[in-house]
Amino acid sequence: MSKSAVKFLSLILICVGLILTFTALMPIIQYELLVSPTLERREFLSPVSNTTPKPSGPRDYTKASTWFDGYPLPSVNYQIKHYKLSIPKLKIKDAVVEVGGEDLTKSLIHFGGTALPGKPGNAVIFGHSTILQLYNPNNYMTIFSYLPTLKKGEDVFVEYDGITYTFKVEEMFEVKPDALQILEQKDDNSYITLVTCVPPGTYLRRLIVRAKIVPYKR
């Protein structure tokens, strides 16, 4: 192969690399420029204290127990282990939620110790996100990638113990990854809180989408 051909091939490979890099970074840039500025960023002044030593080394975020430094998953015995969640806007239909589960590659995870859907309190549900090019609503490693596109007033449906509950999005905001306050409970009504990492494909912050139950009308 001639030197000119080698140079041309190298140039092509460099261009392809730049295009792939730009394609991967573009959703992150778009999120930071267009989505994040529209969200409230909550800075908790009095974080929940925890004296448990932080784990060393890289964390496996496919395990729910690693999402908060040194905060173990509460051990709770639930009669019902699974339920279903649907978000029509995101084309998510009957996604499995494991109550008190650990493996985010196989389902969404209902964080142990938080309220159950339809009951007074706050049901906290974790899901993975990634770069938008890899999004698949049926893949639990990418299922919440488009969660930032939800708007206030949009519907989230939960089928729990044979009953389908409708929730409407009330607020969306960002927190730091160590913000344990998103697990806090209030018993004035039934809420669900959807949690994922943002910008999609990173672990920089957490997006919190909180929805309130719609009263059943006879």
N, C-alpha and C. Protein backbone atom coordinates (compact mmCIF):
# COMPACT_ATOMS: atom_id res chain seq x y z
N MET A 1 0.85 -1.19 0.00
CA MET A 1 0.00 0.00 0.00
C MET A 1 0.89 1.25 0.00
N SER A 2 0.57 2.20 -0.85
CA SER A 2 1.37 3.41 -0.98
C SER A 2 1.20 4.30 0.25
N LYS A 3 2.16 5.21 0.44
CA LYS A 3 2.11 6.12 1.58
C LYS A 3 0.87 7.00 1.52
N SER A 4 0.51 7.44 0.32
CA SER A 4 -0.68 8.29 0.18
C SER A 4 -1.94 7.54 0.59
N ALA A 5 -2.00 6.23 0.24
CA ALA A 5 -3.16 5.43 0.61
C ALA A 5 -3.23 5.24 2.12
N VAL A 6 -2.05 5.03 2.74
CA VAL A 6 -2.00 4.87 4.20
C VAL A 6 -2.47 6.16 4.89
N LYS A 7 -1.99 7.29 4.38
CA LYS A 7 -2.40 8.57 4.95
C LYS A 7 -3.90 8.79 4.81
N PHE A 8 -4.43 8.43 3.64
CA PHE A 8 -5.87 8.60 3.40
C PHE A 8 -6.68 7.71 4.34
N LEU A 9 -6.24 6.45 4.51
CA LEU A 9 -6.93 5.53 5.40
C LEU A 9 -6.87 6.02 6.85
N SER A 10 -5.71 6.54 7.25
CA SER A 10 -5.57 7.07 8.61
C SER A 10 -6.51 8.25 8.83
N LEU A 11 -6.62 9.10 7.80
CA LEU A 11 -7.51 10.25 7.90
C LEU A 11 -8.96 9.81 8.04
N ILE A 12 -9.33 8.78 7.27
CA ILE A 12 -10.69 8.24 7.35
C ILE A 12 -10.98 7.70 8.76
N LEU A 13 -10.02 6.95 9.31
CA LEU A 13 -10.20 6.38 10.65
C LEU A 13 -10.30 7.47 11.72
N ILE A 14 -9.50 8.52 11.57
CA ILE A 14 -9.56 9.64 12.51
C ILE A 14 -10.93 10.32 12.45
N CYS A 15 -11.41 10.52 11.23
CA CYS A 15 -12.73 11.15 11.05
C CYS A 15 -13.83 10.30 11.66
N VAL A 16 -13.75 8.99 11.42
CA VAL A 16 -14.75 8.08 11.99
C VAL A 16 -14.72 8.15 13.52
N GLY A 17 -13.51 8.16 14.09
CA GLY A 17 -13.36 8.26 15.53
C GLY A 17 -13.95 9.54 16.09
N LEU A 18 -13.70 10.66 15.39
CA LEU A 18 -14.24 11.94 15.83
C LEU A 18 -15.77 11.95 15.76
N ILE A 19 -16.30 11.37 14.70
CA ILE A 19 -17.77 11.32 14.56
C ILE A 19 -18.39 10.48 15.67
N LEU A 20 -17.78 9.33 15.97
CA LEU A 20 -18.31 8.48 17.03
C LEU A 20 -18.23 9.17 18.39
N THR A 21 -17.12 9.87 18.63
CA THR A 21 -16.96 10.59 19.90
C THR A 21 -17.99 11.70 20.01
N PHE A 22 -18.19 12.45 18.92
CA PHE A 22 -19.17 13.53 18.92
C PHE A 22 -20.57 12.99 19.13
N THR A 23 -20.87 11.86 18.48
CA THR A 23 -22.19 11.24 18.60
C THR A 23 -22.45 10.82 20.04
N ALA A 24 -21.43 10.28 20.72
CA ALA A 24 -21.58 9.84 22.10
C ALA A 24 -21.73 11.02 23.06
N LEU A 25 -20.99 12.11 22.79
CA LEU A 25 -20.99 13.25 23.69
C LEU A 25 -22.18 14.19 23.48
N MET A 26 -22.75 14.18 22.28
CA MET A 26 -23.80 15.14 21.95
C MET A 26 -25.00 15.06 22.89
N PRO A 27 -25.52 13.85 23.23
CA PRO A 27 -26.65 13.79 24.17
C PRO A 27 -26.31 14.37 25.53
N ILE A 28 -25.07 14.18 25.98
CA ILE A 28 -24.66 14.73 27.28
C ILE A 28 -24.62 16.26 27.21
N ILE A 29 -24.07 16.78 26.11
CA ILE A 29 -24.00 18.24 25.93
C ILE A 29 -25.41 18.83 25.84
N GLN A 30 -26.30 18.16 25.09
CA GLN A 30 -27.67 18.63 24.96
C GLN A 30 -28.38 18.65 26.31
N TYR A 31 -28.15 17.59 27.10
CA TYR A 31 -28.78 17.54 28.42
C TYR A 31 -28.30 18.70 29.28
N GLU A 32 -27.00 18.92 29.31
CA GLU A 32 -26.45 19.97 30.16
C GLU A 32 -26.90 21.37 29.72
N LEU A 33 -27.06 21.56 28.42
CA LEU A 33 -27.41 22.88 27.90
C LEU A 33 -28.92 23.13 27.88
N LEU A 34 -29.70 22.08 27.59
CA LEU A 34 -31.13 22.28 27.35
C LEU A 34 -32.03 21.76 28.46
N VAL A 35 -31.65 20.66 29.12
CA VAL A 35 -32.54 20.04 30.11
C VAL A 35 -32.17 20.45 31.53
N SER A 36 -30.92 20.25 31.89
CA SER A 36 -30.50 20.53 33.27
C SER A 36 -30.85 21.95 33.75
N PRO A 37 -30.67 22.99 32.90
CA PRO A 37 -31.01 24.35 33.37
C PRO A 37 -32.48 24.54 33.71
N THR A 38 -33.36 23.66 33.19
CA THR A 38 -34.79 23.78 33.47
C THR A 38 -35.19 23.09 34.76
N LEU A 39 -34.26 22.32 35.36
CA LEU A 39 -34.56 21.56 36.57
C LEU A 39 -33.99 22.27 37.79
N GLU A 40 -34.73 22.17 38.87
CA GLU A 40 -34.21 22.67 40.14
C GLU A 40 -33.11 21.73 40.62
N ARG A 41 -32.02 22.28 41.11
CA ARG A 41 -30.96 21.46 41.67
C ARG A 41 -30.98 21.65 43.19
N ARG A 42 -31.37 20.61 43.90
CA ARG A 42 -31.57 20.73 45.34
C ARG A 42 -30.30 20.36 46.10
N GLU A 43 -29.88 21.28 46.92
CA GLU A 43 -28.71 21.06 47.76
C GLU A 43 -29.19 20.90 49.20
N PHE A 44 -29.11 19.69 49.72
CA PHE A 44 -29.57 19.44 51.08
C PHE A 44 -28.51 19.91 52.06
N LEU A 45 -28.90 20.80 52.96
CA LEU A 45 -27.96 21.39 53.89
C LEU A 45 -27.64 20.47 55.07
N SER A 46 -28.55 19.59 55.40
CA SER A 46 -28.34 18.68 56.53
C SER A 46 -28.50 17.24 56.07
N PRO A 47 -27.49 16.70 55.40
CA PRO A 47 -27.60 15.34 54.90
C PRO A 47 -27.77 14.34 56.03
N VAL A 48 -28.45 13.24 55.71
CA VAL A 48 -28.64 12.19 56.69
C VAL A 48 -27.27 11.67 57.09
N SER A 49 -26.99 11.67 58.39
CA SER A 49 -25.67 11.24 58.84
C SER A 49 -25.53 9.75 58.75
N ASN A 50 -24.31 9.29 58.44
CA ASN A 50 -24.04 7.86 58.32
C ASN A 50 -22.56 7.64 58.57
N THR A 51 -22.28 6.83 59.59
CA THR A 51 -20.89 6.60 59.97
C THR A 51 -20.30 5.35 59.35
N THR A 52 -21.07 4.66 58.51
CA THR A 52 -20.57 3.45 57.88
C THR A 52 -19.44 3.79 56.92
N PRO A 53 -18.30 3.09 56.96
CA PRO A 53 -17.18 3.41 56.06
C PRO A 53 -17.59 3.28 54.60
N LYS A 54 -17.09 4.17 53.76
CA LYS A 54 -17.36 4.11 52.34
C LYS A 54 -16.56 2.99 51.70
N PRO A 55 -17.18 2.30 50.71
CA PRO A 55 -16.44 1.22 50.05
C PRO A 55 -15.30 1.78 49.22
N SER A 56 -14.22 1.01 49.12
CA SER A 56 -13.08 1.43 48.32
C SER A 56 -13.15 0.79 46.94
N GLY A 57 -12.50 1.42 45.96
CA GLY A 57 -12.49 0.87 44.61
C GLY A 57 -13.74 1.22 43.83
N PRO A 58 -13.78 0.85 42.55
CA PRO A 58 -14.94 1.15 41.70
C PRO A 58 -16.18 0.42 42.17
N ARG A 59 -17.33 1.08 42.02
CA ARG A 59 -18.59 0.49 42.45
C ARG A 59 -19.35 -0.08 41.26
N ASP A 60 -20.07 -1.14 41.51
CA ASP A 60 -20.89 -1.78 40.49
C ASP A 60 -22.30 -1.22 40.61
N TYR A 61 -22.63 -0.26 39.72
CA TYR A 61 -23.92 0.39 39.82
C TYR A 61 -25.07 -0.46 39.29
N THR A 62 -24.79 -1.68 38.87
CA THR A 62 -25.88 -2.60 38.54
C THR A 62 -26.46 -3.20 39.80
N LYS A 63 -25.84 -2.95 40.95
CA LYS A 63 -26.32 -3.43 42.24
C LYS A 63 -26.92 -2.26 43.02
N ALA A 64 -28.17 -2.42 43.43
CA ALA A 64 -28.86 -1.32 44.12
C ALA A 64 -28.16 -0.92 45.41
N SER A 65 -27.49 -1.86 46.04
CA SER A 65 -26.85 -1.59 47.32
C SER A 65 -25.66 -0.65 47.21
N THR A 66 -25.19 -0.37 46.00
CA THR A 66 -24.02 0.50 45.82
C THR A 66 -24.39 1.95 45.50
N TRP A 67 -25.68 2.25 45.40
CA TRP A 67 -26.09 3.58 44.94
C TRP A 67 -25.88 4.66 45.99
N PHE A 68 -25.73 4.27 47.24
CA PHE A 68 -25.43 5.23 48.29
C PHE A 68 -24.23 4.73 49.07
N ASP A 69 -23.21 5.58 49.20
CA ASP A 69 -21.99 5.20 49.91
C ASP A 69 -22.29 4.70 51.31
N GLY A 70 -21.95 3.44 51.57
CA GLY A 70 -22.03 2.92 52.92
C GLY A 70 -23.42 2.76 53.48
N TYR A 71 -24.46 2.93 52.64
CA TYR A 71 -25.84 2.80 53.13
C TYR A 71 -26.40 1.48 52.65
N PRO A 72 -26.55 0.50 53.52
CA PRO A 72 -27.00 -0.83 53.09
C PRO A 72 -28.48 -0.86 52.76
N LEU A 73 -28.87 -1.77 51.88
CA LEU A 73 -30.28 -1.98 51.61
C LEU A 73 -30.96 -2.54 52.85
N PRO A 74 -32.04 -1.91 53.32
CA PRO A 74 -32.74 -2.45 54.48
C PRO A 74 -33.28 -3.85 54.19
N SER A 75 -33.20 -4.72 55.17
CA SER A 75 -33.71 -6.08 55.02
C SER A 75 -35.17 -6.11 55.48
N VAL A 76 -36.08 -6.18 54.51
CA VAL A 76 -37.51 -6.18 54.80
C VAL A 76 -38.14 -7.37 54.11
N ASN A 77 -39.03 -8.06 54.80
CA ASN A 77 -39.71 -9.21 54.22
C ASN A 77 -41.03 -8.77 53.59
N TYR A 78 -41.08 -8.77 52.25
CA TYR A 78 -42.28 -8.35 51.53
C TYR A 78 -43.06 -9.57 51.04
N GLN A 79 -44.39 -9.51 51.20
CA GLN A 79 -45.23 -10.61 50.71
C GLN A 79 -45.27 -10.62 49.19
N ILE A 80 -45.34 -9.42 48.59
CA ILE A 80 -45.37 -9.31 47.14
C ILE A 80 -43.99 -8.84 46.69
N LYS A 81 -43.34 -9.61 45.83
CA LYS A 81 -41.95 -9.34 45.45
C LYS A 81 -41.81 -8.53 44.16
N HIS A 82 -42.84 -8.53 43.34
CA HIS A 82 -42.74 -7.85 42.04
C HIS A 82 -44.03 -7.12 41.71
N TYR A 83 -43.91 -6.05 40.95
CA TYR A 83 -45.07 -5.39 40.37
C TYR A 83 -44.64 -4.77 39.04
N LYS A 84 -45.55 -4.09 38.35
CA LYS A 84 -45.26 -3.58 37.01
C LYS A 84 -45.43 -2.06 36.94
N LEU A 85 -44.59 -1.45 36.12
CA LEU A 85 -44.63 0.00 35.92
C LEU A 85 -44.67 0.32 34.43
N SER A 86 -45.52 1.26 34.07
CA SER A 86 -45.64 1.68 32.66
C SER A 86 -45.60 3.21 32.57
N ILE A 87 -44.86 3.70 31.58
CA ILE A 87 -44.80 5.13 31.30
C ILE A 87 -45.05 5.30 29.80
N PRO A 88 -46.28 5.55 29.39
CA PRO A 88 -46.60 5.63 27.95
C PRO A 88 -45.72 6.61 27.19
N LYS A 89 -45.40 7.78 27.78
CA LYS A 89 -44.59 8.78 27.09
C LYS A 89 -43.23 8.21 26.68
N LEU A 90 -42.68 7.29 27.48
CA LEU A 90 -41.36 6.73 27.21
C LEU A 90 -41.43 5.36 26.55
N LYS A 91 -42.66 4.93 26.20
CA LYS A 91 -42.88 3.61 25.59
C LYS A 91 -42.44 2.47 26.50
N ILE A 92 -42.50 2.72 27.80
CA ILE A 92 -42.22 1.67 28.78
C ILE A 92 -43.54 1.03 29.16
N LYS A 93 -43.64 -0.27 28.95
CA LYS A 93 -44.89 -0.98 29.22
C LYS A 93 -44.60 -2.22 30.07
N ASP A 94 -45.25 -2.27 31.22
CA ASP A 94 -45.17 -3.43 32.12
C ASP A 94 -43.73 -3.80 32.49
N ALA A 95 -42.93 -2.79 32.76
CA ALA A 95 -41.57 -3.07 33.25
C ALA A 95 -41.66 -3.68 34.64
N VAL A 96 -40.87 -4.70 34.88
CA VAL A 96 -40.90 -5.39 36.17
C VAL A 96 -40.13 -4.59 37.21
N VAL A 97 -40.74 -4.41 38.37
CA VAL A 97 -40.09 -3.76 39.51
C VAL A 97 -39.94 -4.80 40.61
N GLU A 98 -38.72 -5.05 41.05
CA GLU A 98 -38.50 -6.01 42.13
C GLU A 98 -38.44 -5.25 43.46
N VAL A 99 -39.29 -5.66 44.38
CA VAL A 99 -39.36 -4.99 45.67
C VAL A 99 -38.20 -5.46 46.56
N GLY A 100 -37.37 -4.51 46.97
CA GLY A 100 -36.22 -4.84 47.80
C GLY A 100 -35.15 -5.62 47.07
N GLY A 101 -35.15 -5.54 45.74
CA GLY A 101 -34.20 -6.31 44.94
C GLY A 101 -32.83 -5.66 44.90
N GLU A 102 -31.93 -6.28 44.13
CA GLU A 102 -30.54 -5.85 44.06
C GLU A 102 -30.03 -5.65 42.64
N ASP A 103 -30.46 -6.52 41.71
CA ASP A 103 -29.86 -6.57 40.37
C ASP A 103 -30.62 -5.69 39.38
N LEU A 104 -30.02 -4.54 39.03
CA LEU A 104 -30.66 -3.61 38.11
C LEU A 104 -30.54 -4.01 36.65
N THR A 105 -29.82 -5.08 36.35
CA THR A 105 -29.76 -5.57 34.97
C THR A 105 -31.00 -6.39 34.61
N LYS A 106 -31.74 -6.82 35.62
CA LYS A 106 -32.88 -7.71 35.39
C LYS A 106 -34.23 -7.06 35.63
N SER A 107 -34.25 -5.93 36.31
CA SER A 107 -35.52 -5.26 36.61
C SER A 107 -35.24 -3.87 37.15
N LEU A 108 -36.29 -3.07 37.25
CA LEU A 108 -36.22 -1.88 38.07
C LEU A 108 -36.21 -2.34 39.53
N ILE A 109 -35.70 -1.50 40.42
CA ILE A 109 -35.60 -1.89 41.82
C ILE A 109 -36.38 -0.91 42.70
N HIS A 110 -37.30 -1.47 43.48
CA HIS A 110 -38.00 -0.72 44.52
C HIS A 110 -37.13 -0.76 45.76
N PHE A 111 -36.63 0.41 46.17
CA PHE A 111 -35.67 0.45 47.26
C PHE A 111 -36.31 -0.02 48.55
N GLY A 112 -35.67 -1.02 49.18
CA GLY A 112 -36.21 -1.62 50.39
C GLY A 112 -36.44 -0.61 51.50
N GLY A 113 -37.54 -0.78 52.22
CA GLY A 113 -37.87 0.11 53.33
C GLY A 113 -38.72 1.30 52.95
N THR A 114 -38.91 1.56 51.66
CA THR A 114 -39.78 2.66 51.24
C THR A 114 -41.20 2.12 51.03
N ALA A 115 -42.16 3.03 51.02
CA ALA A 115 -43.57 2.64 50.97
C ALA A 115 -43.91 1.85 49.71
N LEU A 116 -44.94 1.06 49.80
CA LEU A 116 -45.41 0.29 48.65
C LEU A 116 -46.41 1.13 47.84
N PRO A 117 -46.51 0.89 46.53
CA PRO A 117 -47.42 1.69 45.69
C PRO A 117 -48.86 1.63 46.19
N GLY A 118 -49.52 2.78 46.20
CA GLY A 118 -50.90 2.85 46.64
C GLY A 118 -51.06 3.05 48.13
N LYS A 119 -49.96 2.90 48.87
CA LYS A 119 -49.98 3.09 50.32
C LYS A 119 -49.43 4.48 50.66
N PRO A 120 -49.81 5.02 51.83
CA PRO A 120 -49.24 6.32 52.23
C PRO A 120 -47.72 6.24 52.31
N GLY A 121 -47.06 7.22 51.74
CA GLY A 121 -45.61 7.24 51.74
C GLY A 121 -45.03 7.40 50.35
N ASN A 122 -43.76 7.07 50.23
CA ASN A 122 -42.99 7.35 49.02
C ASN A 122 -42.30 6.08 48.53
N ALA A 123 -42.79 5.51 47.44
CA ALA A 123 -42.18 4.33 46.82
C ALA A 123 -41.05 4.79 45.92
N VAL A 124 -39.82 4.41 46.25
CA VAL A 124 -38.65 4.87 45.51
C VAL A 124 -38.17 3.78 44.56
N ILE A 125 -38.11 4.10 43.26
CA ILE A 125 -37.80 3.12 42.22
C ILE A 125 -36.56 3.56 41.45
N PHE A 126 -35.56 2.68 41.39
CA PHE A 126 -34.31 2.97 40.70
C PHE A 126 -34.28 2.30 39.33
N GLY A 127 -33.68 2.97 38.35
CA GLY A 127 -33.49 2.39 37.03
C GLY A 127 -32.26 2.97 36.37
N HIS A 128 -31.67 2.20 35.47
CA HIS A 128 -30.45 2.63 34.79
C HIS A 128 -30.76 3.53 33.59
N SER A 129 -29.76 4.34 33.22
CA SER A 129 -29.82 5.12 31.98
C SER A 129 -28.46 5.01 31.30
N THR A 130 -28.44 5.33 30.02
CA THR A 130 -27.18 5.31 29.27
C THR A 130 -27.29 6.32 28.14
N ILE A 131 -26.28 6.37 27.26
CA ILE A 131 -26.36 7.30 26.14
C ILE A 131 -27.57 6.94 25.28
N LEU A 132 -28.20 7.95 24.72
CA LEU A 132 -29.50 7.76 24.06
C LEU A 132 -29.44 6.83 22.86
N GLN A 133 -28.27 6.74 22.23
CA GLN A 133 -28.14 5.88 21.06
C GLN A 133 -28.37 4.40 21.41
N LEU A 134 -28.18 4.05 22.67
CA LEU A 134 -28.32 2.65 23.09
C LEU A 134 -29.68 2.38 23.75
N TYR A 135 -30.55 3.38 23.74
CA TYR A 135 -31.82 3.24 24.46
C TYR A 135 -32.68 2.13 23.90
N ASN A 136 -33.20 1.33 24.81
CA ASN A 136 -34.16 0.27 24.49
C ASN A 136 -35.09 0.17 25.69
N PRO A 137 -36.40 0.48 25.53
CA PRO A 137 -37.31 0.46 26.67
C PRO A 137 -37.49 -0.91 27.29
N ASN A 138 -37.04 -1.96 26.58
CA ASN A 138 -37.16 -3.32 27.11
C ASN A 138 -35.86 -3.81 27.75
N ASN A 139 -34.84 -2.95 27.77
CA ASN A 139 -33.55 -3.32 28.34
C ASN A 139 -33.37 -2.56 29.66
N TYR A 140 -33.24 -3.28 30.75
CA TYR A 140 -33.18 -2.61 32.05
C TYR A 140 -31.88 -1.84 32.28
N MET A 141 -30.90 -2.05 31.43
CA MET A 141 -29.67 -1.25 31.53
C MET A 141 -29.81 0.12 30.86
N THR A 142 -30.89 0.31 30.09
CA THR A 142 -31.09 1.57 29.38
C THR A 142 -32.48 2.18 29.62
N ILE A 143 -33.30 1.53 30.40
CA ILE A 143 -34.73 1.80 30.44
C ILE A 143 -35.10 3.24 30.83
N PHE A 144 -34.31 3.89 31.68
CA PHE A 144 -34.65 5.24 32.14
C PHE A 144 -33.85 6.34 31.42
N SER A 145 -33.28 6.02 30.25
CA SER A 145 -32.46 7.01 29.55
C SER A 145 -33.24 8.27 29.17
N TYR A 146 -34.52 8.11 28.83
CA TYR A 146 -35.34 9.25 28.41
C TYR A 146 -36.19 9.81 29.55
N LEU A 147 -35.92 9.40 30.77
CA LEU A 147 -36.68 9.93 31.91
C LEU A 147 -36.65 11.46 31.97
N PRO A 148 -35.53 12.12 31.59
CA PRO A 148 -35.53 13.59 31.64
C PRO A 148 -36.52 14.26 30.70
N THR A 149 -37.08 13.53 29.74
CA THR A 149 -38.03 14.14 28.81
C THR A 149 -39.45 14.19 29.35
N LEU A 150 -39.68 13.56 30.51
CA LEU A 150 -41.01 13.64 31.10
C LEU A 150 -41.34 15.08 31.48
N LYS A 151 -42.63 15.37 31.54
CA LYS A 151 -43.09 16.70 31.93
C LYS A 151 -44.08 16.57 33.08
N LYS A 152 -44.23 17.66 33.82
CA LYS A 152 -45.21 17.67 34.89
C LYS A 152 -46.61 17.40 34.33
N GLY A 153 -47.38 16.57 35.03
CA GLY A 153 -48.73 16.24 34.61
C GLY A 153 -48.85 14.97 33.80
N GLU A 154 -47.70 14.41 33.38
CA GLU A 154 -47.76 13.17 32.59
C GLU A 154 -47.95 11.96 33.50
N ASP A 155 -48.48 10.89 32.89
CA ASP A 155 -48.93 9.74 33.66
C ASP A 155 -47.85 8.67 33.83
N VAL A 156 -47.89 8.06 35.00
CA VAL A 156 -47.10 6.87 35.30
C VAL A 156 -48.08 5.87 35.91
N PHE A 157 -48.10 4.66 35.38
CA PHE A 157 -49.03 3.64 35.86
C PHE A 157 -48.29 2.53 36.59
N VAL A 158 -48.86 2.11 37.71
CA VAL A 158 -48.28 1.03 38.50
C VAL A 158 -49.35 -0.03 38.73
N GLU A 159 -49.04 -1.27 38.36
CA GLU A 159 -49.93 -2.38 38.64
C GLU A 159 -49.35 -3.18 39.80
N TYR A 160 -50.01 -3.06 40.96
CA TYR A 160 -49.52 -3.70 42.18
C TYR A 160 -50.64 -4.50 42.83
N ASP A 161 -50.37 -5.76 43.08
CA ASP A 161 -51.33 -6.65 43.76
C ASP A 161 -52.69 -6.64 43.07
N GLY A 162 -52.67 -6.66 41.74
CA GLY A 162 -53.91 -6.74 40.97
C GLY A 162 -54.64 -5.42 40.79
N ILE A 163 -54.10 -4.34 41.32
CA ILE A 163 -54.74 -3.03 41.19
C ILE A 163 -53.82 -2.10 40.39
N THR A 164 -54.40 -1.38 39.44
CA THR A 164 -53.62 -0.42 38.65
C THR A 164 -53.82 0.98 39.21
N TYR A 165 -52.72 1.60 39.61
CA TYR A 165 -52.76 2.95 40.15
C TYR A 165 -52.22 3.93 39.10
N THR A 166 -52.83 5.10 39.05
CA THR A 166 -52.35 6.17 38.16
C THR A 166 -51.69 7.25 39.00
N PHE A 167 -50.47 7.61 38.60
CA PHE A 167 -49.74 8.70 39.24
C PHE A 167 -49.47 9.78 38.21
N LYS A 168 -49.46 11.02 38.65
CA LYS A 168 -49.11 12.13 37.76
C LYS A 168 -47.84 12.81 38.27
N VAL A 169 -46.93 13.09 37.33
CA VAL A 169 -45.67 13.73 37.68
C VAL A 169 -45.94 15.10 38.27
N GLU A 170 -45.40 15.34 39.46
CA GLU A 170 -45.57 16.63 40.15
C GLU A 170 -44.32 17.49 40.12
N GLU A 171 -43.15 16.86 40.21
CA GLU A 171 -41.91 17.64 40.25
C GLU A 171 -40.75 16.81 39.74
N MET A 172 -39.77 17.52 39.20
CA MET A 172 -38.54 16.92 38.70
C MET A 172 -37.38 17.80 39.15
N PHE A 173 -36.35 17.19 39.70
CA PHE A 173 -35.20 17.96 40.16
C PHE A 173 -33.97 17.07 40.20
N GLU A 174 -32.82 17.69 40.38
CA GLU A 174 -31.56 16.97 40.44
C GLU A 174 -30.98 17.04 41.85
N VAL A 175 -30.25 15.98 42.22
CA VAL A 175 -29.55 15.97 43.51
C VAL A 175 -28.17 15.36 43.31
N LYS A 176 -27.33 15.53 44.32
CA LYS A 176 -26.04 14.85 44.29
C LYS A 176 -26.24 13.35 44.52
N PRO A 177 -25.29 12.54 44.08
CA PRO A 177 -25.44 11.09 44.21
C PRO A 177 -25.60 10.59 45.63
N ASP A 178 -25.14 11.36 46.62
CA ASP A 178 -25.21 10.89 48.00
C ASP A 178 -26.41 11.44 48.76
N ALA A 179 -27.41 11.97 48.05
CA ALA A 179 -28.56 12.60 48.71
C ALA A 179 -29.55 11.55 49.19
N LEU A 180 -29.38 11.11 50.42
CA LEU A 180 -30.26 10.10 51.00
C LEU A 180 -31.67 10.63 51.25
N GLN A 181 -31.84 11.94 51.24
CA GLN A 181 -33.14 12.52 51.54
C GLN A 181 -34.22 12.11 50.55
N ILE A 182 -33.84 11.65 49.36
CA ILE A 182 -34.86 11.22 48.39
C ILE A 182 -35.60 9.99 48.88
N LEU A 183 -35.07 9.31 49.91
CA LEU A 183 -35.72 8.13 50.47
C LEU A 183 -36.71 8.48 51.57
N GLU A 184 -36.74 9.73 51.97
CA GLU A 184 -37.59 10.14 53.08
C GLU A 184 -39.07 9.92 52.76
N GLN A 185 -39.83 9.63 53.81
CA GLN A 185 -41.24 9.31 53.68
C GLN A 185 -42.12 10.44 54.23
N LYS A 186 -43.27 10.63 53.58
CA LYS A 186 -44.30 11.49 54.15
C LYS A 186 -45.64 10.80 53.90
N ASP A 187 -46.49 10.78 54.91
CA ASP A 187 -47.67 9.94 54.87
C ASP A 187 -48.96 10.70 54.55
N ASP A 188 -48.84 11.91 53.97
CA ASP A 188 -50.04 12.65 53.63
C ASP A 188 -50.73 12.12 52.39
N ASN A 189 -49.98 11.30 51.57
CA ASN A 189 -50.56 10.74 50.35
C ASN A 189 -49.64 9.64 49.85
N SER A 190 -49.97 9.09 48.68
CA SER A 190 -49.14 8.04 48.07
C SER A 190 -48.35 8.63 46.91
N TYR A 191 -47.01 8.44 46.95
CA TYR A 191 -46.12 8.98 45.94
C TYR A 191 -45.23 7.86 45.40
N ILE A 192 -44.74 8.07 44.16
CA ILE A 192 -43.64 7.26 43.66
C ILE A 192 -42.53 8.21 43.23
N THR A 193 -41.31 7.78 43.45
CA THR A 193 -40.14 8.57 43.07
C THR A 193 -39.27 7.73 42.16
N LEU A 194 -39.08 8.19 40.93
CA LEU A 194 -38.24 7.50 39.95
C LEU A 194 -36.86 8.13 39.97
N VAL A 195 -35.84 7.30 40.01
CA VAL A 195 -34.46 7.78 40.18
C VAL A 195 -33.56 7.19 39.11
N THR A 196 -32.75 8.03 38.46
CA THR A 196 -31.74 7.55 37.53
C THR A 196 -30.57 8.54 37.51
N CYS A 197 -29.47 8.13 36.89
CA CYS A 197 -28.29 8.99 36.82
C CYS A 197 -28.36 9.91 35.60
N VAL A 198 -27.88 11.12 35.77
CA VAL A 198 -27.82 12.10 34.68
C VAL A 198 -26.49 12.86 34.75
N PRO A 199 -26.05 13.42 33.61
CA PRO A 199 -26.58 13.22 32.26
C PRO A 199 -26.54 11.74 31.87
N PRO A 200 -27.43 11.31 30.97
CA PRO A 200 -27.47 9.90 30.58
C PRO A 200 -26.10 9.39 30.16
N GLY A 201 -25.74 8.25 30.73
CA GLY A 201 -24.44 7.67 30.43
C GLY A 201 -23.36 8.05 31.41
N THR A 202 -23.70 8.90 32.41
CA THR A 202 -22.74 9.30 33.44
C THR A 202 -23.33 9.02 34.82
N TYR A 203 -22.50 9.23 35.86
CA TYR A 203 -22.95 9.08 37.25
C TYR A 203 -22.78 10.38 38.02
N LEU A 204 -22.82 11.51 37.32
CA LEU A 204 -22.52 12.79 37.95
C LEU A 204 -23.58 13.23 38.94
N ARG A 205 -24.86 13.08 38.56
CA ARG A 205 -25.96 13.53 39.41
C ARG A 205 -27.11 12.52 39.32
N ARG A 206 -28.13 12.76 40.12
CA ARG A 206 -29.32 11.92 40.08
C ARG A 206 -30.52 12.78 39.69
N LEU A 207 -31.31 12.27 38.75
CA LEU A 207 -32.57 12.90 38.40
C LEU A 207 -33.67 12.27 39.25
N ILE A 208 -34.48 13.11 39.85
CA ILE A 208 -35.58 12.66 40.69
C ILE A 208 -36.90 13.08 40.04
N VAL A 209 -37.73 12.11 39.73
CA VAL A 209 -39.06 12.39 39.17
C VAL A 209 -40.08 11.90 40.19
N ARG A 210 -40.81 12.82 40.77
CA ARG A 210 -41.77 12.45 41.82
C ARG A 210 -43.20 12.63 41.30
N ALA A 211 -43.99 11.59 41.50
CA ALA A 211 -45.38 11.60 41.02
C ALA A 211 -46.32 11.27 42.17
N LYS A 212 -47.51 11.85 42.11
CA LYS A 212 -48.51 11.68 43.16
C LYS A 212 -49.70 10.91 42.62
N ILE A 213 -50.27 10.06 43.46
CA ILE A 213 -51.38 9.21 43.03
C ILE A 213 -52.59 10.04 42.65
N VAL A 214 -53.32 9.57 41.64
CA VAL A 214 -54.57 10.21 41.22
C VAL A 214 -55.70 9.49 41.93
N PRO A 215 -56.51 10.21 42.71
CA PRO A 215 -57.60 9.56 43.45
C PRO A 215 -58.54 8.81 42.51
N TYR A 216 -58.96 7.63 42.96
CA TYR A 216 -59.89 6.82 42.17
C TYR A 216 -61.27 7.46 42.18
N LYS A 217 -61.86 7.61 40.99
CA LYS A 217 -63.19 8.19 40.87
C LYS A 217 -64.19 7.11 40.48
N ARG A 218 -65.23 6.98 41.27
CA ARG A 218 -66.28 5.99 40.99
C ARG A 218 -67.31 6.54 40.01
